[in-house]
Amino acid sequence: MHAPGYVADTDAQAREELYPHFKANRDRIGRERGWGPVTREQFEAEAAHGALSG
């Protein structure tokens, strides 16, 4: 199972620190696959209920 994670003192802090790195990686992959740039709203949805949720 592939289960990346990121830990900080709070969930909010973890999201703030992770987002720039997540966006850069996802946008790079997206360019290769013809996807548009990821939005903060998409990231927050993944963090709350998707692949990034705990």
PDB file of N, CA and C in Angstrom:
ATOM      1  N   MET A   1       0.839  -1.165   0.000  1.00  0.00           N
ATOM      2  CA  MET A   1       0.000   0.000   0.000  1.00  0.00           C
ATOM      3  C   MET A   1       0.888   1.234   0.000  1.00  0.00           C
ATOM      4  N   HIS A   2       0.544   2.162  -0.850  1.00  0.00           N
ATOM      5  CA  HIS A   2       1.249   3.443  -0.897  1.00  0.00           C
ATOM      6  C   HIS A   2       0.450   4.422  -0.047  1.00  0.00           C
ATOM      7  N   ALA A   3       1.016   4.902   1.019  1.00  0.00           N
ATOM      8  CA  ALA A   3       0.286   5.792   1.927  1.00  0.00           C
ATOM      9  C   ALA A   3       1.188   6.930   2.386  1.00  0.00           C
ATOM     10  N   PRO A   4       1.368   7.958   1.528  1.00  0.00           N
ATOM     11  CA  PRO A   4       2.190   9.075   1.956  1.00  0.00           C
ATOM     12  C   PRO A   4       1.528   9.842   3.092  1.00  0.00           C
ATOM     13  N   GLY A   5       2.325  10.476   3.892  1.00  0.00           N
ATOM     14  CA  GLY A   5       1.778  11.265   4.985  1.00  0.00           C
ATOM     15  C   GLY A   5       2.700  12.404   5.347  1.00  0.00           C
ATOM     16  N   TYR A   6       2.169  13.318   6.131  1.00  0.00           N
ATOM     17  CA  TYR A   6       2.953  14.445   6.613  1.00  0.00           C
ATOM     18  C   TYR A   6       2.435  14.782   7.997  1.00  0.00           C
ATOM     19  N   VAL A   7       3.331  14.954   8.946  1.00  0.00           N
ATOM     20  CA  VAL A   7       2.947  15.188  10.333  1.00  0.00           C
ATOM     21  C   VAL A   7       3.514  16.530  10.798  1.00  0.00           C
ATOM     22  N   ALA A   8       2.676  17.301  11.473  1.00  0.00           N
ATOM     23  CA  ALA A   8       3.080  18.561  12.101  1.00  0.00           C
ATOM     24  C   ALA A   8       2.342  18.655  13.431  1.00  0.00           C
ATOM     25  N   ASP A   9       2.550  19.723  14.157  1.00  0.00           N
ATOM     26  CA  ASP A   9       1.896  19.882  15.456  1.00  0.00           C
ATOM     27  C   ASP A   9       0.372  19.896  15.342  1.00  0.00           C
ATOM     28  N   THR A  10      -0.150  20.456  14.240  1.00  0.00           N
ATOM     29  CA  THR A  10      -1.598  20.486  14.016  1.00  0.00           C
ATOM     30  C   THR A  10      -1.891  20.101  12.570  1.00  0.00           C
ATOM     31  N   ASP A  11      -3.125  19.696  12.307  1.00  0.00           N
ATOM     32  CA  ASP A  11      -3.532  19.401  10.934  1.00  0.00           C
ATOM     33  C   ASP A  11      -3.403  20.641  10.054  1.00  0.00           C
ATOM     34  N   ALA A  12      -3.807  21.787  10.580  1.00  0.00           N
ATOM     35  CA  ALA A  12      -3.738  23.032   9.804  1.00  0.00           C
ATOM     36  C   ALA A  12      -2.293  23.351   9.427  1.00  0.00           C
ATOM     37  N   GLN A  13      -1.383  23.186  10.355  1.00  0.00           N
ATOM     38  CA  GLN A  13       0.031  23.435  10.076  1.00  0.00           C
ATOM     39  C   GLN A  13       0.548  22.461   9.025  1.00  0.00           C
ATOM     40  N   ALA A  14       0.177  21.207   9.130  1.00  0.00           N
ATOM     41  CA  ALA A  14       0.614  20.209   8.154  1.00  0.00           C
ATOM     42  C   ALA A  14       0.118  20.563   6.757  1.00  0.00           C
ATOM     43  N   ARG A  15      -1.134  20.980   6.653  1.00  0.00           N
ATOM     44  CA  ARG A  15      -1.675  21.351   5.339  1.00  0.00           C
ATOM     45  C   ARG A  15      -0.945  22.555   4.757  1.00  0.00           C
ATOM     46  N   GLU A  16      -0.682  23.559   5.582  1.00  0.00           N
ATOM     47  CA  GLU A  16       0.023  24.751   5.106  1.00  0.00           C
ATOM     48  C   GLU A  16       1.429  24.409   4.629  1.00  0.00           C
ATOM     49  N   GLU A  17       2.118  23.551   5.349  1.00  0.00           N
ATOM     50  CA  GLU A  17       3.492  23.200   5.000  1.00  0.00           C
ATOM     51  C   GLU A  17       3.552  22.257   3.795  1.00  0.00           C
ATOM     52  N   LEU A  18       2.580  21.368   3.678  1.00  0.00           N
ATOM     53  CA  LEU A  18       2.590  20.380   2.605  1.00  0.00           C
ATOM     54  C   LEU A  18       2.114  20.943   1.273  1.00  0.00           C
ATOM     55  N   TYR A  19       1.154  21.844   1.291  1.00  0.00           N
ATOM     56  CA  TYR A  19       0.517  22.293   0.055  1.00  0.00           C
ATOM     57  C   TYR A  19       1.482  22.738  -1.044  1.00  0.00           C
ATOM     58  N   PRO A  20       2.458  23.598  -0.788  1.00  0.00           N
ATOM     59  CA  PRO A  20       3.332  24.027  -1.892  1.00  0.00           C
ATOM     60  C   PRO A  20       4.052  22.859  -2.578  1.00  0.00           C
ATOM     61  N   HIS A  21       4.448  21.871  -1.795  1.00  0.00           N
ATOM     62  CA  HIS A  21       5.158  20.713  -2.340  1.00  0.00           C
ATOM     63  C   HIS A  21       4.196  19.800  -3.101  1.00  0.00           C
ATOM     64  N   PHE A  22       3.006  19.594  -2.542  1.00  0.00           N
ATOM     65  CA  PHE A  22       1.982  18.801  -3.207  1.00  0.00           C
ATOM     66  C   PHE A  22       1.627  19.432  -4.553  1.00  0.00           C
ATOM     67  N   LYS A  23       1.412  20.748  -4.552  1.00  0.00           N
ATOM     68  CA  LYS A  23       1.020  21.455  -5.776  1.00  0.00           C
ATOM     69  C   LYS A  23       2.103  21.344  -6.836  1.00  0.00           C
ATOM     70  N   ALA A  24       3.347  21.578  -6.466  1.00  0.00           N
ATOM     71  CA  ALA A  24       4.441  21.508  -7.438  1.00  0.00           C
ATOM     72  C   ALA A  24       4.517  20.119  -8.072  1.00  0.00           C
ATOM     73  N   ASN A  25       4.422  19.092  -7.267  1.00  0.00           N
ATOM     74  CA  ASN A  25       4.496  17.720  -7.767  1.00  0.00           C
ATOM     75  C   ASN A  25       3.285  17.382  -8.624  1.00  0.00           C
ATOM     76  N   ARG A  26       2.099  17.706  -8.146  1.00  0.00           N
ATOM     77  CA  ARG A  26       0.865  17.393  -8.882  1.00  0.00           C
ATOM     78  C   ARG A  26       0.789  18.174 -10.180  1.00  0.00           C
ATOM     79  N   ASP A  27       1.220  19.421 -10.188  1.00  0.00           N
ATOM     80  CA  ASP A  27       1.205  20.211 -11.417  1.00  0.00           C
ATOM     81  C   ASP A  27       2.217  19.678 -12.436  1.00  0.00           C
ATOM     82  N   ARG A  28       3.363  19.206 -11.965  1.00  0.00           N
ATOM     83  CA  ARG A  28       4.356  18.617 -12.881  1.00  0.00           C
ATOM     84  C   ARG A  28       3.787  17.364 -13.539  1.00  0.00           C
ATOM     85  N   ILE A  29       3.218  16.500 -12.737  1.00  0.00           N
ATOM     86  CA  ILE A  29       2.604  15.286 -13.267  1.00  0.00           C
ATOM     87  C   ILE A  29       1.437  15.643 -14.186  1.00  0.00           C
ATOM     88  N   GLY A  30       0.657  16.619 -13.773  1.00  0.00           N
ATOM     89  CA  GLY A  30      -0.493  17.040 -14.564  1.00  0.00           C
ATOM     90  C   GLY A  30      -0.113  17.555 -15.939  1.00  0.00           C
ATOM     91  N   ARG A  31       0.965  18.316 -16.020  1.00  0.00           N
ATOM     92  CA  ARG A  31       1.421  18.805 -17.324  1.00  0.00           C
ATOM     93  C   ARG A  31       1.741  17.645 -18.258  1.00  0.00           C
ATOM     94  N   GLU A  32       2.369  16.604 -17.710  1.00  0.00           N
ATOM     95  CA  GLU A  32       2.723  15.431 -18.511  1.00  0.00           C
ATOM     96  C   GLU A  32       1.477  14.686 -18.994  1.00  0.00           C
ATOM     97  N   ARG A  33       0.388  14.792 -18.246  1.00  0.00           N
ATOM     98  CA  ARG A  33      -0.827  14.025 -18.542  1.00  0.00           C
ATOM     99  C   ARG A  33      -1.967  14.871 -19.095  1.00  0.00           C
ATOM    100  N   GLY A  34      -1.709  16.152 -19.297  1.00  0.00           N
ATOM    101  CA  GLY A  34      -2.721  17.017 -19.867  1.00  0.00           C
ATOM    102  C   GLY A  34      -3.759  17.520 -18.881  1.00  0.00           C
ATOM    103  N   TRP A  35      -3.443  17.496 -17.599  1.00  0.00           N
ATOM    104  CA  TRP A  35      -4.363  17.985 -16.565  1.00  0.00           C
ATOM    105  C   TRP A  35      -4.084  19.457 -16.308  1.00  0.00           C
ATOM    106  N   GLY A  36      -5.096  20.162 -15.842  1.00  0.00           N
ATOM    107  CA  GLY A  36      -4.912  21.544 -15.410  1.00  0.00           C
ATOM    108  C   GLY A  36      -4.232  21.585 -14.045  1.00  0.00           C
ATOM    109  N   PRO A  37      -3.778  22.763 -13.634  1.00  0.00           N
ATOM    110  CA  PRO A  37      -3.142  22.914 -12.319  1.00  0.00           C
ATOM    111  C   PRO A  37      -4.123  22.559 -11.189  1.00  0.00           C
ATOM    112  N   VAL A  38      -3.588  21.981 -10.145  1.00  0.00           N
ATOM    113  CA  VAL A  38      -4.406  21.647  -8.978  1.00  0.00           C
ATOM    114  C   VAL A  38      -4.720  22.930  -8.211  1.00  0.00           C
ATOM    115  N   THR A  39      -5.897  22.995  -7.638  1.00  0.00           N
ATOM    116  CA  THR A  39      -6.292  24.163  -6.850  1.00  0.00           C
ATOM    117  C   THR A  39      -6.173  23.854  -5.364  1.00  0.00           C
ATOM    118  N   ARG A  40      -6.179  24.909  -4.577  1.00  0.00           N
ATOM    119  CA  ARG A  40      -6.148  24.723  -3.122  1.00  0.00           C
ATOM    120  C   ARG A  40      -7.400  23.969  -2.676  1.00  0.00           C
ATOM    121  N   GLU A  41      -8.527  24.233  -3.317  1.00  0.00           N
ATOM    122  CA  GLU A  41      -9.776  23.561  -2.965  1.00  0.00           C
ATOM    123  C   GLU A  41      -9.675  22.054  -3.225  1.00  0.00           C
ATOM    124  N   GLN A  42      -9.049  21.665  -4.328  1.00  0.00           N
ATOM    125  CA  GLN A  42      -8.865  20.236  -4.605  1.00  0.00           C
ATOM    126  C   GLN A  42      -7.955  19.601  -3.558  1.00  0.00           C
ATOM    127  N   PHE A  43      -6.888  20.297  -3.198  1.00  0.00           N
ATOM    128  CA  PHE A  43      -5.987  19.796  -2.167  1.00  0.00           C
ATOM    129  C   PHE A  43      -6.726  19.620  -0.845  1.00  0.00           C
ATOM    130  N   GLU A  44      -7.510  20.620  -0.451  1.00  0.00           N
ATOM    131  CA  GLU A  44      -8.245  20.545   0.816  1.00  0.00           C
ATOM    132  C   GLU A  44      -9.249  19.386   0.799  1.00  0.00           C
ATOM    133  N   ALA A  45      -9.886  19.147  -0.344  1.00  0.00           N
ATOM    134  CA  ALA A  45     -10.822  18.022  -0.445  1.00  0.00           C
ATOM    135  C   ALA A  45     -10.080  16.691  -0.273  1.00  0.00           C
ATOM    136  N   GLU A  46      -8.909  16.565  -0.874  1.00  0.00           N
ATOM    137  CA  GLU A  46      -8.111  15.343  -0.715  1.00  0.00           C
ATOM    138  C   GLU A  46      -7.647  15.175   0.733  1.00  0.00           C
ATOM    139  N   ALA A  47      -7.307  16.291   1.372  1.00  0.00           N
ATOM    140  CA  ALA A  47      -6.860  16.241   2.766  1.00  0.00           C
ATOM    141  C   ALA A  47      -8.001  15.873   3.703  1.00  0.00           C
ATOM    142  N   ALA A  48      -9.203  16.294   3.359  1.00  0.00           N
ATOM    143  CA  ALA A  48     -10.353  16.033   4.232  1.00  0.00           C
ATOM    144  C   ALA A  48     -10.979  14.666   4.006  1.00  0.00           C
ATOM    145  N   HIS A  49     -11.066  14.228   2.741  1.00  0.00           N
ATOM    146  CA  HIS A  49     -11.841  13.016   2.460  1.00  0.00           C
ATOM    147  C   HIS A  49     -11.208  12.104   1.416  1.00  0.00           C
ATOM    148  N   GLY A  50     -10.017  12.415   0.947  1.00  0.00           N
ATOM    149  CA  GLY A  50      -9.429  11.645  -0.143  1.00  0.00           C
ATOM    150  C   GLY A  50      -8.141  10.944   0.234  1.00  0.00           C
ATOM    151  N   ALA A  51      -7.268  10.866  -0.735  1.00  0.00           N
ATOM    152  CA  ALA A  51      -6.021  10.121  -0.577  1.00  0.00           C
ATOM    153  C   ALA A  51      -5.100  10.696   0.496  1.00  0.00           C
ATOM    154  N   LEU A  52      -5.264  11.959   0.847  1.00  0.00           N
ATOM    155  CA  LEU A  52      -4.417  12.577   1.865  1.00  0.00           C
ATOM    156  C   LEU A  52      -5.035  12.578   3.253  1.00  0.00           C
ATOM    157  N   SER A  53      -6.238  12.057   3.364  1.00  0.00           N
ATOM    158  CA  SER A  53      -6.909  12.091   4.680  1.00  0.00           C
ATOM    159  C   SER A  53      -6.350  11.006   5.587  1.00  0.00           C
ATOM    160  N   GLY A  54      -6.468  11.242   6.853  1.00  0.00           N
ATOM    161  CA  GLY A  54      -5.923  10.301   7.829  1.00  0.00           C
ATOM    162  C   GLY A  54      -6.967   9.559   8.455  1.00  0.00           C
TER     163      GLY A  54
END
